[in-house]
Amino acid sequence: MNSSGEVKLVLEKLDCVQLELLRLRALLVPEEEVSEEEKKKLCVARREIAEGQKISLDALLEELC
């Protein structure tokens, strides 16, 4: 596997990790403590997880920073 293939694989894994973190947060944080904006983000994340979607590295970095 070449380095660009390895980078792509790492980015895909990071996308999956970010979606899993959002899923776990949705399970652990009671909805009554979540703002309306956060509820919308969690709803979108749940839908994306159900559809098997991933996010870009840029979006992940934006979430973390």
N, C-alpha and C. Protein backbone atom coordinates (compact mmCIF):
# COMPACT_ATOMS: atom_id res chain seq x y z
N MET A 1 0.86 -1.18 0.00
CA MET A 1 0.00 0.00 0.00
C MET A 1 0.90 1.24 0.00
N ASN A 2 0.60 2.20 -0.87
CA ASN A 2 1.41 3.41 -0.91
C ASN A 2 0.96 4.40 0.16
N SER A 3 1.74 5.46 0.34
CA SER A 3 1.44 6.39 1.43
C SER A 3 0.11 7.12 1.23
N SER A 4 -0.29 7.42 -0.02
CA SER A 4 -1.58 8.09 -0.21
C SER A 4 -2.73 7.14 0.15
N GLY A 5 -2.56 5.86 -0.11
CA GLY A 5 -3.56 4.87 0.28
C GLY A 5 -3.65 4.75 1.79
N GLU A 6 -2.50 4.82 2.45
CA GLU A 6 -2.49 4.74 3.91
C GLU A 6 -3.15 5.97 4.51
N VAL A 7 -2.89 7.14 3.93
CA VAL A 7 -3.51 8.38 4.42
C VAL A 7 -5.02 8.30 4.25
N LYS A 8 -5.47 7.82 3.12
CA LYS A 8 -6.91 7.68 2.88
C LYS A 8 -7.53 6.74 3.90
N LEU A 9 -6.86 5.64 4.20
CA LEU A 9 -7.37 4.69 5.19
C LEU A 9 -7.46 5.34 6.57
N VAL A 10 -6.44 6.09 6.95
CA VAL A 10 -6.45 6.78 8.24
C VAL A 10 -7.60 7.79 8.29
N LEU A 11 -7.80 8.53 7.22
CA LEU A 11 -8.89 9.52 7.18
C LEU A 11 -10.25 8.84 7.31
N GLU A 12 -10.42 7.71 6.66
CA GLU A 12 -11.68 6.97 6.78
C GLU A 12 -11.90 6.49 8.20
N LYS A 13 -10.83 6.02 8.84
CA LYS A 13 -10.94 5.57 10.24
C LYS A 13 -11.30 6.74 11.15
N LEU A 14 -10.69 7.90 10.93
CA LEU A 14 -11.00 9.08 11.73
C LEU A 14 -12.45 9.51 11.54
N ASP A 15 -12.95 9.41 10.34
CA ASP A 15 -14.35 9.73 10.08
C ASP A 15 -15.26 8.82 10.91
N CYS A 16 -14.95 7.54 10.92
CA CYS A 16 -15.74 6.57 11.68
C CYS A 16 -15.67 6.85 13.18
N VAL A 17 -14.50 7.20 13.66
CA VAL A 17 -14.32 7.51 15.08
C VAL A 17 -15.16 8.72 15.47
N GLN A 18 -15.16 9.75 14.64
CA GLN A 18 -15.92 10.96 14.95
C GLN A 18 -17.41 10.65 15.01
N LEU A 19 -17.91 9.88 14.07
CA LEU A 19 -19.33 9.51 14.09
C LEU A 19 -19.66 8.67 15.32
N GLU A 20 -18.76 7.78 15.69
CA GLU A 20 -18.99 6.95 16.88
C GLU A 20 -19.01 7.81 18.14
N LEU A 21 -18.14 8.80 18.22
CA LEU A 21 -18.14 9.70 19.37
C LEU A 21 -19.45 10.48 19.47
N LEU A 22 -19.95 10.93 18.34
CA LEU A 22 -21.24 11.63 18.34
C LEU A 22 -22.36 10.69 18.79
N ARG A 23 -22.30 9.44 18.33
CA ARG A 23 -23.31 8.46 18.73
C ARG A 23 -23.28 8.21 20.23
N LEU A 24 -22.07 8.04 20.77
CA LEU A 24 -21.93 7.80 22.20
C LEU A 24 -22.39 9.00 23.01
N ARG A 25 -22.07 10.18 22.53
CA ARG A 25 -22.51 11.39 23.22
C ARG A 25 -24.03 11.44 23.26
N ALA A 26 -24.65 11.08 22.15
CA ALA A 26 -26.11 11.09 22.09
C ALA A 26 -26.70 10.11 23.11
N LEU A 27 -26.01 9.01 23.33
CA LEU A 27 -26.49 8.03 24.30
C LEU A 27 -26.27 8.49 25.74
N LEU A 28 -25.18 9.19 25.99
CA LEU A 28 -24.78 9.53 27.35
C LEU A 28 -25.35 10.85 27.86
N VAL A 29 -25.59 11.78 26.97
CA VAL A 29 -26.05 13.10 27.39
C VAL A 29 -27.57 13.14 27.30
N PRO A 30 -28.22 13.30 28.45
CA PRO A 30 -29.68 13.40 28.41
C PRO A 30 -30.12 14.58 27.54
N GLU A 31 -31.14 14.37 26.74
CA GLU A 31 -31.55 15.40 25.79
C GLU A 31 -32.02 16.68 26.47
N GLU A 32 -32.55 16.61 27.70
CA GLU A 32 -33.03 17.82 28.35
C GLU A 32 -31.87 18.77 28.71
N GLU A 33 -30.62 18.28 28.69
CA GLU A 33 -29.46 19.11 28.98
C GLU A 33 -28.78 19.62 27.70
N VAL A 34 -29.34 19.28 26.56
CA VAL A 34 -28.73 19.61 25.29
C VAL A 34 -29.49 20.79 24.68
N SER A 35 -28.73 21.76 24.13
CA SER A 35 -29.36 22.91 23.49
C SER A 35 -30.07 22.48 22.21
N GLU A 36 -30.92 23.33 21.69
CA GLU A 36 -31.63 23.02 20.45
C GLU A 36 -30.67 22.79 19.29
N GLU A 37 -29.61 23.59 19.23
CA GLU A 37 -28.61 23.44 18.15
C GLU A 37 -27.92 22.08 18.27
N GLU A 38 -27.57 21.69 19.50
CA GLU A 38 -26.92 20.40 19.70
C GLU A 38 -27.87 19.25 19.38
N LYS A 39 -29.16 19.41 19.68
CA LYS A 39 -30.14 18.38 19.34
C LYS A 39 -30.18 18.17 17.84
N LYS A 40 -30.14 19.27 17.09
CA LYS A 40 -30.17 19.18 15.63
C LYS A 40 -28.92 18.46 15.11
N LYS A 41 -27.75 18.80 15.68
CA LYS A 41 -26.50 18.16 15.27
C LYS A 41 -26.54 16.67 15.58
N LEU A 42 -27.05 16.31 16.75
CA LEU A 42 -27.13 14.90 17.13
C LEU A 42 -28.10 14.14 16.23
N CYS A 43 -29.20 14.78 15.87
CA CYS A 43 -30.16 14.15 14.97
C CYS A 43 -29.52 13.89 13.61
N VAL A 44 -28.79 14.86 13.10
CA VAL A 44 -28.09 14.69 11.82
C VAL A 44 -27.05 13.59 11.94
N ALA A 45 -26.31 13.58 13.05
CA ALA A 45 -25.28 12.56 13.24
C ALA A 45 -25.89 11.17 13.30
N ARG A 46 -27.02 11.03 13.98
CA ARG A 46 -27.70 9.73 14.05
C ARG A 46 -28.12 9.27 12.66
N ARG A 47 -28.65 10.21 11.87
CA ARG A 47 -29.06 9.87 10.51
C ARG A 47 -27.87 9.45 9.67
N GLU A 48 -26.76 10.19 9.81
CA GLU A 48 -25.55 9.86 9.05
C GLU A 48 -25.01 8.48 9.44
N ILE A 49 -25.04 8.19 10.72
CA ILE A 49 -24.58 6.88 11.19
C ILE A 49 -25.46 5.78 10.59
N ALA A 50 -26.76 6.00 10.62
CA ALA A 50 -27.69 5.00 10.09
C ALA A 50 -27.47 4.79 8.59
N GLU A 51 -27.09 5.85 7.89
CA GLU A 51 -26.87 5.77 6.45
C GLU A 51 -25.45 5.32 6.11
N GLY A 52 -24.60 5.19 7.13
CA GLY A 52 -23.22 4.77 6.90
C GLY A 52 -22.36 5.87 6.32
N GLN A 53 -22.75 7.11 6.52
CA GLN A 53 -21.99 8.24 5.97
C GLN A 53 -20.75 8.51 6.79
N LYS A 54 -19.83 9.22 6.17
CA LYS A 54 -18.59 9.64 6.82
C LYS A 54 -18.43 11.14 6.63
N ILE A 55 -17.48 11.73 7.37
CA ILE A 55 -17.20 13.15 7.21
C ILE A 55 -15.77 13.33 6.75
N SER A 56 -15.47 14.51 6.29
CA SER A 56 -14.12 14.80 5.81
C SER A 56 -13.20 15.11 6.99
N LEU A 57 -11.91 15.03 6.75
CA LEU A 57 -10.94 15.37 7.79
C LEU A 57 -11.09 16.84 8.19
N ASP A 58 -11.34 17.71 7.22
CA ASP A 58 -11.52 19.14 7.53
C ASP A 58 -12.67 19.35 8.51
N ALA A 59 -13.76 18.65 8.29
CA ALA A 59 -14.92 18.77 9.19
C ALA A 59 -14.57 18.25 10.58
N LEU A 60 -13.82 17.17 10.65
CA LEU A 60 -13.40 16.62 11.92
C LEU A 60 -12.52 17.60 12.67
N LEU A 61 -11.55 18.17 11.97
CA LEU A 61 -10.65 19.14 12.60
C LEU A 61 -11.43 20.37 13.08
N GLU A 62 -12.42 20.79 12.30
CA GLU A 62 -13.25 21.93 12.70
C GLU A 62 -14.01 21.62 13.98
N GLU A 63 -14.52 20.40 14.11
CA GLU A 63 -15.24 19.99 15.31
C GLU A 63 -14.32 19.98 16.53
N LEU A 64 -13.09 19.53 16.34
CA LEU A 64 -12.17 19.38 17.46
C LEU A 64 -11.53 20.68 17.89
N CYS A 65 -11.44 21.66 17.02
CA CYS A 65 -10.74 22.91 17.34
C CYS A 65 -11.65 23.99 17.82
